[in-house]
Amino acid sequence: MGLMSRTFHAWLDYMSCAVLIFAPWVFKFSDSNAAVAVSIGAGAVILFSSLMTKYEGGVFRIMPMAMHLTLDVLLGIFLLASPWLFSFQDKITWPHFIFGILAILSGILTVRKSTGEPSAVEHI
């Protein structure tokens, strides 16, 4: 859709990554192994994809932005479902739910074109 800039998306990625990795201790759910694994794993996926993406926050810049955004949506769906998939819904759900929604929205609303990719007008 393109309502969110790639620069803001990159900032949001790195902030989300940090929060998800430290969430089990900050939000006091470190006693649930499944919730901890999902949170840290999601943070690691966001970090890896951010480092690899062809956008302002990318370091290696080999992953197309469209692939990164698709991964965001899929990760968001996974985060939303994870409390029920891994049976920790009675312990904690809201961080996974909030970051799931954020991932889906950022995947849908961010500019899809990679850094340096020509626009449709330049193809004519």
C-alpha atoms as a PDB file:
ATOM      1  CA  MET A   1       0.000   0.000   0.000  1.00  0.00           C
ATOM      2  CA  GLY A   2       2.869   2.399   0.709  1.00  0.00           C
ATOM      3  CA  LEU A   3       1.629   4.535   3.626  1.00  0.00           C
ATOM      4  CA  MET A   4       4.708   3.788   5.769  1.00  0.00           C
ATOM      5  CA  SER A   5       8.210   4.745   4.624  1.00  0.00           C
ATOM      6  CA  ARG A   6      10.980   2.152   4.453  1.00  0.00           C
ATOM      7  CA  THR A   7      13.027   4.300   6.860  1.00  0.00           C
ATOM      8  CA  PHE A   8      10.295   4.239   9.509  1.00  0.00           C
ATOM      9  CA  HIS A   9       9.765   0.523   8.852  1.00  0.00           C
ATOM     10  CA  ALA A  10      13.482  -0.119   9.470  1.00  0.00           C
ATOM     11  CA  TRP A  11      13.339   1.816  12.748  1.00  0.00           C
ATOM     12  CA  LEU A  12      10.214  -0.127  13.767  1.00  0.00           C
ATOM     13  CA  ASP A  13      11.925  -3.428  12.869  1.00  0.00           C
ATOM     14  CA  TYR A  14      14.942  -2.822  15.083  1.00  0.00           C
ATOM     15  CA  MET A  15      12.826  -1.519  17.989  1.00  0.00           C
ATOM     16  CA  SER A  16      10.460  -4.519  17.712  1.00  0.00           C
ATOM     17  CA  CYS A  17      13.413  -6.878  17.611  1.00  0.00           C
ATOM     18  CA  ALA A  18      14.849  -5.461  20.841  1.00  0.00           C
ATOM     19  CA  VAL A  19      11.500  -5.437  22.640  1.00  0.00           C
ATOM     20  CA  LEU A  20      10.647  -9.011  21.588  1.00  0.00           C
ATOM     21  CA  ILE A  21      14.036 -10.352  22.677  1.00  0.00           C
ATOM     22  CA  PHE A  22      13.829  -8.691  26.115  1.00  0.00           C
ATOM     23  CA  ALA A  23      10.033  -9.024  26.553  1.00  0.00           C
ATOM     24  CA  PRO A  24      10.110 -12.262  28.598  1.00  0.00           C
ATOM     25  CA  TRP A  25      11.967 -10.492  31.424  1.00  0.00           C
ATOM     26  CA  VAL A  26      10.460  -7.026  31.032  1.00  0.00           C
ATOM     27  CA  PHE A  27       6.867  -8.315  30.925  1.00  0.00           C
ATOM     28  CA  LYS A  28       7.522 -11.159  33.393  1.00  0.00           C
ATOM     29  CA  PHE A  29       6.737 -14.251  31.343  1.00  0.00           C
ATOM     30  CA  SER A  30      10.201 -15.838  31.478  1.00  0.00           C
ATOM     31  CA  ASP A  31       8.730 -18.832  33.339  1.00  0.00           C
ATOM     32  CA  SER A  32       6.933 -19.984  30.162  1.00  0.00           C
ATOM     33  CA  ASN A  33       9.487 -21.703  27.936  1.00  0.00           C
ATOM     34  CA  ALA A  34       7.229 -21.663  24.878  1.00  0.00           C
ATOM     35  CA  ALA A  35       6.366 -17.966  25.221  1.00  0.00           C
ATOM     36  CA  VAL A  36      10.048 -17.117  25.697  1.00  0.00           C
ATOM     37  CA  ALA A  37      11.108 -19.179  22.671  1.00  0.00           C
ATOM     38  CA  VAL A  38       8.453 -17.598  20.436  1.00  0.00           C
ATOM     39  CA  SER A  39       9.316 -14.077  21.571  1.00  0.00           C
ATOM     40  CA  ILE A  40      13.086 -14.452  21.199  1.00  0.00           C
ATOM     41  CA  GLY A  41      12.698 -16.416  17.960  1.00  0.00           C
ATOM     42  CA  ALA A  42      10.463 -13.733  16.455  1.00  0.00           C
ATOM     43  CA  GLY A  43      12.958 -11.060  17.487  1.00  0.00           C
ATOM     44  CA  ALA A  44      15.767 -13.032  15.853  1.00  0.00           C
ATOM     45  CA  VAL A  45      13.773 -13.454  12.617  1.00  0.00           C
ATOM     46  CA  ILE A  46      13.102  -9.703  12.515  1.00  0.00           C
ATOM     47  CA  LEU A  47      16.788  -8.946  13.148  1.00  0.00           C
ATOM     48  CA  PHE A  48      17.975 -11.362  10.443  1.00  0.00           C
ATOM     49  CA  SER A  49      15.489 -10.152   7.835  1.00  0.00           C
ATOM     50  CA  SER A  50      16.265  -6.508   8.649  1.00  0.00           C
ATOM     51  CA  LEU A  51      19.990  -7.006   8.220  1.00  0.00           C
ATOM     52  CA  MET A  52      19.446  -8.792   4.887  1.00  0.00           C
ATOM     53  CA  THR A  53      16.826  -6.484   3.314  1.00  0.00           C
ATOM     54  CA  LYS A  54      17.432  -3.970   0.522  1.00  0.00           C
ATOM     55  CA  TYR A  55      16.170  -0.974   2.499  1.00  0.00           C
ATOM     56  CA  GLU A  56      17.500   1.892   4.565  1.00  0.00           C
ATOM     57  CA  GLY A  57      18.010  -0.327   7.618  1.00  0.00           C
ATOM     58  CA  GLY A  58      19.643  -3.195   5.737  1.00  0.00           C
ATOM     59  CA  VAL A  59      23.311  -4.066   6.104  1.00  0.00           C
ATOM     60  CA  PHE A  60      23.833  -6.837   3.538  1.00  0.00           C
ATOM     61  CA  ARG A  61      20.931  -5.770   1.278  1.00  0.00           C
ATOM     62  CA  ILE A  62      20.247  -9.028  -0.540  1.00  0.00           C
ATOM     63  CA  MET A  63      16.560  -9.652   0.319  1.00  0.00           C
ATOM     64  CA  PRO A  64      13.964  -7.765  -1.750  1.00  0.00           C
ATOM     65  CA  MET A  65      11.673  -5.480   0.233  1.00  0.00           C
ATOM     66  CA  ALA A  66       8.581  -7.335  -1.027  1.00  0.00           C
ATOM     67  CA  MET A  67       9.940 -10.592   0.453  1.00  0.00           C
ATOM     68  CA  HIS A  68      10.696  -8.848   3.763  1.00  0.00           C
ATOM     69  CA  LEU A  69       7.140  -7.501   3.933  1.00  0.00           C
ATOM     70  CA  THR A  70       5.651 -10.916   3.143  1.00  0.00           C
ATOM     71  CA  LEU A  71       7.763 -12.390   5.944  1.00  0.00           C
ATOM     72  CA  ASP A  72       6.462  -9.658   8.280  1.00  0.00           C
ATOM     73  CA  VAL A  73       2.849 -10.602   7.547  1.00  0.00           C
ATOM     74  CA  LEU A  74       3.538 -14.327   8.018  1.00  0.00           C
ATOM     75  CA  LEU A  75       5.432 -13.677  11.259  1.00  0.00           C
ATOM     76  CA  GLY A  76       2.554 -11.505  12.467  1.00  0.00           C
ATOM     77  CA  ILE A  77       0.056 -14.291  11.842  1.00  0.00           C
ATOM     78  CA  PHE A  78       2.349 -16.721  13.663  1.00  0.00           C
ATOM     79  CA  LEU A  79       2.698 -14.355  16.646  1.00  0.00           C
ATOM     80  CA  LEU A  80      -1.079 -13.909  16.851  1.00  0.00           C
ATOM     81  CA  ALA A  81      -1.655 -17.671  16.853  1.00  0.00           C
ATOM     82  CA  SER A  82       1.343 -18.704  18.979  1.00  0.00           C
ATOM     83  CA  PRO A  83      -0.273 -18.512  22.448  1.00  0.00           C
ATOM     84  CA  TRP A  84      -2.846 -21.100  21.316  1.00  0.00           C
ATOM     85  CA  LEU A  85      -0.477 -23.110  19.114  1.00  0.00           C
ATOM     86  CA  PHE A  86       1.949 -23.599  22.005  1.00  0.00           C
ATOM     87  CA  SER A  87      -0.565 -23.564  24.901  1.00  0.00           C
ATOM     88  CA  PHE A  88       0.619 -20.518  26.804  1.00  0.00           C
ATOM     89  CA  GLN A  89      -2.606 -18.516  26.360  1.00  0.00           C
ATOM     90  CA  ASP A  90      -3.293 -18.742  30.106  1.00  0.00           C
ATOM     91  CA  LYS A  91       0.123 -17.237  30.943  1.00  0.00           C
ATOM     92  CA  ILE A  92       0.597 -14.379  28.475  1.00  0.00           C
ATOM     93  CA  THR A  93      -0.929 -13.326  25.161  1.00  0.00           C
ATOM     94  CA  TRP A  94      -0.892  -9.548  24.815  1.00  0.00           C
ATOM     95  CA  PRO A  95       2.780  -8.974  23.755  1.00  0.00           C
ATOM     96  CA  HIS A  96       2.453 -11.634  21.071  1.00  0.00           C
ATOM     97  CA  PHE A  97      -0.903 -10.224  19.990  1.00  0.00           C
ATOM     98  CA  ILE A  98       0.322  -6.601  19.835  1.00  0.00           C
ATOM     99  CA  PHE A  99       3.507  -7.442  17.943  1.00  0.00           C
ATOM    100  CA  GLY A 100       1.566  -9.766  15.653  1.00  0.00           C
ATOM    101  CA  ILE A 101      -0.789  -6.934  14.714  1.00  0.00           C
ATOM    102  CA  LEU A 102       2.156  -4.516  14.288  1.00  0.00           C
ATOM    103  CA  ALA A 103       3.978  -6.966  12.019  1.00  0.00           C
ATOM    104  CA  ILE A 104       0.909  -7.529   9.849  1.00  0.00           C
ATOM    105  CA  LEU A 105       0.143  -3.814   9.558  1.00  0.00           C
ATOM    106  CA  SER A 106       3.737  -2.869   8.791  1.00  0.00           C
ATOM    107  CA  GLY A 107       3.897  -5.626   6.181  1.00  0.00           C
ATOM    108  CA  ILE A 108       0.760  -4.320   4.494  1.00  0.00           C
ATOM    109  CA  LEU A 109       1.318  -0.559   4.828  1.00  0.00           C
ATOM    110  CA  THR A 110       5.019  -0.148   3.947  1.00  0.00           C
ATOM    111  CA  VAL A 111       6.374   0.925   0.551  1.00  0.00           C
ATOM    112  CA  ARG A 112       7.079  -2.362  -1.273  1.00  0.00           C
ATOM    113  CA  LYS A 113       9.891  -1.171  -3.558  1.00  0.00           C
ATOM    114  CA  SER A 114      13.463  -2.005  -2.481  1.00  0.00           C
ATOM    115  CA  THR A 115      16.154   0.652  -2.158  1.00  0.00           C
ATOM    116  CA  GLY A 116      17.607   1.346  -5.602  1.00  0.00           C
ATOM    117  CA  GLU A 117      14.818  -0.476  -7.430  1.00  0.00           C
ATOM    118  CA  PRO A 118      13.538   1.570 -10.391  1.00  0.00           C
ATOM    119  CA  SER A 119      10.007   2.902 -10.215  1.00  0.00           C
ATOM    120  CA  ALA A 120       7.339   1.985 -12.770  1.00  0.00           C
ATOM    121  CA  VAL A 121       7.872   5.355 -14.505  1.00  0.00           C
ATOM    122  CA  GLU A 122      11.583   4.608 -15.002  1.00  0.00           C
ATOM    123  CA  HIS A 123      10.705   1.366 -16.851  1.00  0.00           C
ATOM    124  CA  ILE A 124       8.866   3.262 -19.610  1.00  0.00           C
END
